[in-house]
C-alpha atoms as a PDB file:
ATOM      1  CA  MET A   1      12.691-100.294  33.208  1.00  0.00           C
ATOM      2  CA  PRO A   2       9.196 -99.318  34.227  1.00  0.00           C
ATOM      3  CA  LYS A   3       7.976 -95.720  33.016  1.00  0.00           C
ATOM      4  CA  VAL A   4       7.969 -93.339  36.016  1.00  0.00           C
ATOM      5  CA  SER A   5       4.606 -91.186  35.943  1.00  0.00           C
ATOM      6  CA  ASP A   6       4.464 -87.602  35.894  1.00  0.00           C
ATOM      7  CA  GLU A   7       2.346 -87.618  39.094  1.00  0.00           C
ATOM      8  CA  TYR A   8       5.117 -89.898  40.792  1.00  0.00           C
ATOM      9  CA  ARG A   9       7.671 -87.372  39.506  1.00  0.00           C
ATOM     10  CA  ALA A  10       5.929 -84.379  40.522  1.00  0.00           C
ATOM     11  CA  ALA A  11       5.622 -86.008  43.910  1.00  0.00           C
ATOM     12  CA  ARG A  12       9.083 -86.731  44.107  1.00  0.00           C
ATOM     13  CA  ARG A  13      10.108 -83.352  43.337  1.00  0.00           C
ATOM     14  CA  GLU A  14       7.893 -81.875  46.321  1.00  0.00           C
ATOM     15  CA  GLU A  15       8.995 -84.047  48.469  1.00  0.00           C
ATOM     16  CA  ILE A  16      12.907 -82.932  47.723  1.00  0.00           C
ATOM     17  CA  LEU A  17      11.434 -79.444  47.772  1.00  0.00           C
ATOM     18  CA  ASP A  18      10.077 -80.159  51.442  1.00  0.00           C
ATOM     19  CA  VAL A  19      13.101 -81.048  52.539  1.00  0.00           C
ATOM     20  CA  ALA A  20      15.134 -78.443  50.631  1.00  0.00           C
ATOM     21  CA  LEU A  21      13.204 -75.742  52.424  1.00  0.00           C
ATOM     22  CA  ARG A  22      13.579 -77.625  55.821  1.00  0.00           C
ATOM     23  CA  CYS A  23      17.440 -77.512  55.477  1.00  0.00           C
ATOM     24  CA  PHE A  24      17.599 -74.030  54.044  1.00  0.00           C
ATOM     25  CA  ALA A  25      15.647 -72.736  56.562  1.00  0.00           C
ATOM     26  CA  GLU A  26      17.431 -74.338  59.515  1.00  0.00           C
ATOM     27  CA  ARG A  27      21.095 -74.136  58.293  1.00  0.00           C
ATOM     28  CA  GLY A  28      20.851 -71.592  55.634  1.00  0.00           C
ATOM     29  CA  TYR A  29      21.940 -71.809  51.799  1.00  0.00           C
ATOM     30  CA  ALA A  30      25.173 -71.257  51.868  1.00  0.00           C
ATOM     31  CA  LYS A  31      25.625 -74.399  54.754  1.00  0.00           C
ATOM     32  CA  THR A  32      23.368 -76.692  52.984  1.00  0.00           C
ATOM     33  CA  SER A  33      25.104 -79.354  50.963  1.00  0.00           C
ATOM     34  CA  ILE A  34      23.589 -82.006  48.400  1.00  0.00           C
ATOM     35  CA  ALA A  35      24.952 -84.288  50.937  1.00  0.00           C
ATOM     36  CA  ASP A  36      22.494 -82.831  53.747  1.00  0.00           C
ATOM     37  CA  LEU A  37      19.834 -82.983  51.769  1.00  0.00           C
ATOM     38  CA  VAL A  38      20.773 -86.667  50.979  1.00  0.00           C
ATOM     39  CA  GLU A  39      20.706 -87.277  54.692  1.00  0.00           C
ATOM     40  CA  ALA A  40      17.610 -85.633  55.291  1.00  0.00           C
ATOM     41  CA  SER A  41      15.342 -86.755  52.710  1.00  0.00           C
ATOM     42  CA  GLY A  42      16.907 -90.691  52.682  1.00  0.00           C
ATOM     43  CA  LEU A  43      17.225 -90.419  49.098  1.00  0.00           C
ATOM     44  CA  SER A  44      20.267 -90.698  46.978  1.00  0.00           C
ATOM     45  CA  ALA A  45      22.183 -87.876  45.090  1.00  0.00           C
ATOM     46  CA  GLY A  46      21.070 -89.020  41.584  1.00  0.00           C
ATOM     47  CA  ALA A  47      17.650 -88.963  42.892  1.00  0.00           C
ATOM     48  CA  ILE A  48      18.274 -85.311  43.931  1.00  0.00           C
ATOM     49  CA  TYR A  49      19.930 -84.486  40.996  1.00  0.00           C
ATOM     50  CA  GLY A  50      17.478 -86.561  38.764  1.00  0.00           C
ATOM     51  CA  ASN A  51      14.982 -83.884  39.774  1.00  0.00           C
ATOM     52  CA  PHE A  52      17.057 -80.754  39.913  1.00  0.00           C
ATOM     53  CA  PRO A  53      20.044 -81.280  37.557  1.00  0.00           C
ATOM     54  CA  ASP A  54      21.565 -78.002  38.467  1.00  0.00           C
ATOM     55  CA  GLY A  55      21.873 -79.139  42.086  1.00  0.00           C
ATOM     56  CA  LYS A  56      21.458 -76.789  45.035  1.00  0.00           C
ATOM     57  CA  LYS A  57      20.867 -73.351  43.290  1.00  0.00           C
ATOM     58  CA  GLU A  58      17.829 -74.883  41.475  1.00  0.00           C
ATOM     59  CA  LEU A  59      16.718 -76.391  44.398  1.00  0.00           C
ATOM     60  CA  PHE A  60      16.883 -73.128  46.127  1.00  0.00           C
ATOM     61  CA  ALA A  61      15.184 -71.023  43.649  1.00  0.00           C
ATOM     62  CA  ALA A  62      12.529 -73.600  43.157  1.00  0.00           C
ATOM     63  CA  ALA A  63      11.859 -73.763  46.866  1.00  0.00           C
ATOM     64  CA  ALA A  64      11.590 -69.868  47.253  1.00  0.00           C
ATOM     65  CA  ALA A  65       9.582 -69.816  43.685  1.00  0.00           C
ATOM     66  CA  ARG A  66       6.975 -72.214  45.554  1.00  0.00           C
ATOM     67  CA  VAL A  67       6.897 -69.524  48.705  1.00  0.00           C
ATOM     68  CA  LEU A  68       6.171 -67.084  46.331  1.00  0.00           C
ATOM     69  CA  GLU A  69       3.561 -68.590  43.837  1.00  0.00           C
ATOM     70  CA  SER A  70       1.863 -69.578  47.190  1.00  0.00           C
ATOM     71  CA  ARG A  71       1.252 -65.813  47.847  1.00  0.00           C
ATOM     72  CA  ARG A  72      -0.250 -65.517  44.578  1.00  0.00           C
ATOM     73  CA  ILE A  73      -2.470 -68.209  45.069  1.00  0.00           C
ATOM     74  CA  GLU A  74      -3.821 -66.952  48.523  1.00  0.00           C
ATOM     75  CA  LEU A  75      -4.542 -63.531  46.659  1.00  0.00           C
ATOM     76  CA  ALA A  76      -6.766 -65.240  43.865  1.00  0.00           C
ATOM     77  CA  GLU A  77      -8.573 -67.565  46.469  1.00  0.00           C
ATOM     78  CA  ARG A  78      -9.335 -64.503  48.670  1.00  0.00           C
ATOM     79  CA  ARG A  79     -10.883 -62.869  45.481  1.00  0.00           C
ATOM     80  CA  ARG A  80     -12.963 -65.236  44.770  1.00  0.00           C
ATOM     81  CA  ASP A  81     -14.439 -65.228  48.146  1.00  0.00           C
ATOM     82  CA  GLY A  82     -15.866 -61.630  47.502  1.00  0.00           C
ATOM     83  CA  GLY A  83     -15.474 -58.294  45.880  1.00  0.00           C
ATOM     84  CA  PRO A  84     -12.073 -56.660  44.787  1.00  0.00           C
ATOM     85  CA  LEU A  85      -9.299 -56.738  47.129  1.00  0.00           C
ATOM     86  CA  SER A  86      -8.313 -53.053  48.621  1.00  0.00           C
ATOM     87  CA  PRO A  87      -4.806 -52.113  49.164  1.00  0.00           C
ATOM     88  CA  GLY A  88      -4.740 -53.202  52.609  1.00  0.00           C
ATOM     89  CA  GLU A  89      -6.411 -56.139  52.012  1.00  0.00           C
ATOM     90  CA  VAL A  90      -3.858 -57.452  49.620  1.00  0.00           C
ATOM     91  CA  VAL A  91      -1.096 -56.513  51.702  1.00  0.00           C
ATOM     92  CA  ALA A  92      -2.932 -58.388  54.779  1.00  0.00           C
ATOM     93  CA  THR A  93      -3.449 -61.364  52.611  1.00  0.00           C
ATOM     94  CA  LEU A  94       0.489 -61.316  51.180  1.00  0.00           C
ATOM     95  CA  LEU A  95       1.970 -60.669  55.208  1.00  0.00           C
ATOM     96  CA  GLY A  96      -0.731 -62.995  56.758  1.00  0.00           C
ATOM     97  CA  GLY A  97       0.519 -65.845  54.420  1.00  0.00           C
ATOM     98  CA  ILE A  98       4.182 -65.091  54.725  1.00  0.00           C
ATOM     99  CA  ARG A  99       3.439 -65.032  58.720  1.00  0.00           C
ATOM    100  CA  ASN A 100       1.930 -68.740  58.452  1.00  0.00           C
ATOM    101  CA  GLU A 101       4.664 -69.843  55.815  1.00  0.00           C
ATOM    102  CA  PRO A 102       6.879 -72.662  58.238  1.00  0.00           C
ATOM    103  CA  PHE A 103       9.870 -71.562  55.578  1.00  0.00           C
ATOM    104  CA  SER A 104       9.440 -67.643  55.395  1.00  0.00           C
ATOM    105  CA  ALA A 105      13.165 -67.451  56.802  1.00  0.00           C
ATOM    106  CA  VAL A 106      14.043 -68.593  53.471  1.00  0.00           C
ATOM    107  CA  LEU A 107      12.804 -65.330  51.557  1.00  0.00           C
ATOM    108  CA  PRO A 108      15.870 -63.141  53.289  1.00  0.00           C
ATOM    109  CA  GLN A 109      18.382 -65.921  51.947  1.00  0.00           C
ATOM    110  CA  LEU A 110      16.535 -65.783  48.632  1.00  0.00           C
ATOM    111  CA  TRP A 111      17.071 -61.881  48.092  1.00  0.00           C
ATOM    112  CA  SER A 112      20.661 -61.841  49.145  1.00  0.00           C
ATOM    113  CA  GLU A 113      21.331 -64.697  46.831  1.00  0.00           C
ATOM    114  CA  ALA A 114      19.828 -63.201  43.943  1.00  0.00           C
ATOM    115  CA  ILE A 115      21.540 -60.114  44.341  1.00  0.00           C
ATOM    116  CA  VAL A 116      24.904 -62.076  43.615  1.00  0.00           C
ATOM    117  CA  ASP A 117      23.996 -64.686  41.628  1.00  0.00           C
ATOM    118  CA  ARG A 118      22.375 -64.414  38.175  1.00  0.00           C
ATOM    119  CA  GLU A 119      20.967 -67.665  37.904  1.00  0.00           C
ATOM    120  CA  ILE A 120      18.933 -67.597  41.014  1.00  0.00           C
ATOM    121  CA  ARG A 121      17.893 -64.031  40.125  1.00  0.00           C
ATOM    122  CA  ASP A 122      16.726 -65.347  36.826  1.00  0.00           C
ATOM    123  CA  LEU A 123      14.721 -68.472  38.163  1.00  0.00           C
ATOM    124  CA  VAL A 124      12.866 -66.540  40.569  1.00  0.00           C
ATOM    125  CA  GLN A 125      12.142 -63.591  38.982  1.00  0.00           C
ATOM    126  CA  VAL A 126       9.716 -65.400  36.703  1.00  0.00           C
ATOM    127  CA  VAL A 127       7.616 -66.149  39.874  1.00  0.00           C
ATOM    128  CA  PHE A 128       8.091 -62.637  41.126  1.00  0.00           C
ATOM    129  CA  LEU A 129       7.123 -61.092  38.045  1.00  0.00           C
ATOM    130  CA  ARG A 130       3.773 -63.025  38.418  1.00  0.00           C
ATOM    131  CA  LEU A 131       3.073 -62.258  41.786  1.00  0.00           C
ATOM    132  CA  ARG A 132       3.574 -58.706  40.786  1.00  0.00           C
ATOM    133  CA  THR A 133       1.204 -59.192  37.988  1.00  0.00           C
ATOM    134  CA  ALA A 134      -1.435 -60.687  40.341  1.00  0.00           C
ATOM    135  CA  ILE A 135      -1.187 -57.526  42.747  1.00  0.00           C
ATOM    136  CA  GLY A 136      -1.581 -54.893  39.856  1.00  0.00           C
ATOM    137  CA  ALA A 137      -4.256 -56.915  38.570  1.00  0.00           C
ATOM    138  CA  GLN A 138      -6.223 -57.144  42.025  1.00  0.00           C
ATOM    139  CA  LEU A 139      -5.381 -53.184  42.477  1.00  0.00           C
ATOM    140  CA  ALA A 140      -6.431 -52.180  39.114  1.00  0.00           C
ATOM    141  CA  GLU A 141     -10.064 -54.075  39.810  1.00  0.00           C
ATOM    142  CA  TRP A 142     -10.163 -52.553  42.978  1.00  0.00           C
ATOM    143  CA  GLY A 143      -9.521 -48.865  41.480  1.00  0.00           C
ATOM    144  CA  ARG A 144     -12.135 -49.563  38.735  1.00  0.00           C
ATOM    145  CA  ALA A 145     -14.745 -50.140  41.294  1.00  0.00           C
ATOM    146  CA  HIS A 146     -13.788 -46.948  43.489  1.00  0.00           C
ATOM    147  CA  PRO A 147     -12.593 -44.737  40.825  1.00  0.00           C
ATOM    148  CA  ASP A 148     -13.163 -41.715  43.371  1.00  0.00           C
ATOM    149  CA  ARG A 149     -10.423 -43.292  45.733  1.00  0.00           C
ATOM    150  CA  VAL A 150      -7.307 -43.525  43.104  1.00  0.00           C
ATOM    151  CA  ASP A 151      -5.679 -40.995  41.261  1.00  0.00           C
ATOM    152  CA  GLY A 152      -6.183 -40.925  37.589  1.00  0.00           C
ATOM    153  CA  ASP A 153      -6.387 -44.045  35.595  1.00  0.00           C
ATOM    154  CA  PRO A 154      -6.851 -47.524  37.724  1.00  0.00           C
ATOM    155  CA  ALA A 155      -4.626 -49.444  35.700  1.00  0.00           C
ATOM    156  CA  ALA A 156      -1.938 -46.517  35.739  1.00  0.00           C
ATOM    157  CA  TRP A 157      -2.604 -46.209  39.611  1.00  0.00           C
ATOM    158  CA  ALA A 158      -2.221 -49.794  40.204  1.00  0.00           C
ATOM    159  CA  GLU A 159       1.046 -50.006  38.126  1.00  0.00           C
ATOM    160  CA  ARG A 160       2.577 -46.815  40.611  1.00  0.00           C
ATOM    161  CA  VAL A 161       1.270 -48.536  43.682  1.00  0.00           C
ATOM    162  CA  THR A 162       2.202 -51.835  42.896  1.00  0.00           C
ATOM    163  CA  PRO A 163       5.723 -51.624  43.744  1.00  0.00           C
ATOM    164  CA  VAL A 164       4.726 -49.971  47.171  1.00  0.00           C
ATOM    165  CA  ILE A 165       2.480 -52.867  48.067  1.00  0.00           C
ATOM    166  CA  LEU A 166       5.212 -55.471  47.185  1.00  0.00           C
ATOM    167  CA  SER A 167       7.762 -53.396  49.569  1.00  0.00           C
ATOM    168  CA  ALA A 168       5.728 -54.179  52.610  1.00  0.00           C
ATOM    169  CA  ALA A 169       6.590 -57.928  52.562  1.00  0.00           C
ATOM    170  CA  PRO A 170      10.536 -57.394  52.812  1.00  0.00           C
ATOM    171  CA  GLY A 171       9.996 -55.130  55.484  1.00  0.00           C
ATOM    172  CA  PHE A 172       7.735 -57.437  57.496  1.00  0.00           C
ATOM    173  CA  VAL A 173      10.147 -60.323  56.795  1.00  0.00           C
ATOM    174  CA  LEU A 174      13.139 -58.583  57.919  1.00  0.00           C
ATOM    175  CA  GLN A 175      11.770 -56.892  61.255  1.00  0.00           C
ATOM    176  CA  ARG A 176      10.400 -60.592  62.007  1.00  0.00           C
ATOM    177  CA  ALA A 177      13.602 -62.328  61.388  1.00  0.00           C
ATOM    178  CA  LEU A 178      15.953 -59.781  62.815  1.00  0.00           C
ATOM    179  CA  LEU A 179      14.069 -57.623  65.845  1.00  0.00           C
ATOM    180  CA  ASP A 180      13.288 -59.457  68.985  1.00  0.00           C
ATOM    181  CA  ASP A 181      10.571 -57.281  69.923  1.00  0.00           C
ATOM    182  CA  PHE A 182       8.777 -57.085  66.676  1.00  0.00           C
ATOM    183  CA  ASP A 183       5.140 -57.081  67.406  1.00  0.00           C
ATOM    184  CA  GLU A 184       3.665 -59.219  64.425  1.00  0.00           C
ATOM    185  CA  ASP A 185       0.036 -58.547  65.383  1.00  0.00           C
ATOM    186  CA  ALA A 186       0.393 -54.875  66.044  1.00  0.00           C
ATOM    187  CA  TYR A 187       1.985 -54.673  62.583  1.00  0.00           C
ATOM    188  CA  LEU A 188      -0.567 -56.366  60.977  1.00  0.00           C
ATOM    189  CA  ALA A 189      -2.969 -54.178  62.689  1.00  0.00           C
ATOM    190  CA  ALA A 190      -1.549 -51.007  61.785  1.00  0.00           C
ATOM    191  CA  LEU A 191      -1.760 -51.887  57.999  1.00  0.00           C
ATOM    192  CA  GLY A 192      -5.122 -50.587  57.939  1.00  0.00           C
ATOM    193  CA  GLU A 193      -4.157 -47.108  59.610  1.00  0.00           C
ATOM    194  CA  ALA A 194      -1.114 -47.290  57.033  1.00  0.00           C
ATOM    195  CA  LEU A 195      -3.102 -47.882  54.025  1.00  0.00           C
ATOM    196  CA  VAL A 196      -5.745 -45.961  54.687  1.00  0.00           C
ATOM    197  CA  HIS A 197      -7.221 -45.014  51.095  1.00  0.00           C
END
């Protein structure tokens, strides 16, 4: 039997994740079955379980983790383009990425499942903590560059402010998903006013 390369295995996992994200976004987590994923992907159940042995739960956590990891990468890339990001720029980067993420509808489902399912919570928490650490590092760097604009030690200030910055994303995502009259552009434009520092 020929050996499967790591690149092939990684590409197959990404392909399955793409299908899973699409199905979860369209049908919801609870209403998506492995049979749905088999039908949508054209792969066998064995191929799906071979890549995600814990099935739908592992797939859901991996798909949502990909969405969260994308936000961390965007912050790092934007930081490379210039100096430290201000709190408003950090939030704008997070929300801009979420806004352009075709599968952001998966996030509220992730949050609700993580509350009641410890396995999903444990799987996603690792990535979420990496995102929180990246945000905290960005804020601390900005605080060191602008010590007159933070209260006390920049690292301690960043540690206090990071949970507040993170809370903007769920508010944006939920309003976007639930309110027919939600104005995304106005929300994003008001960030600068709300986060004047």
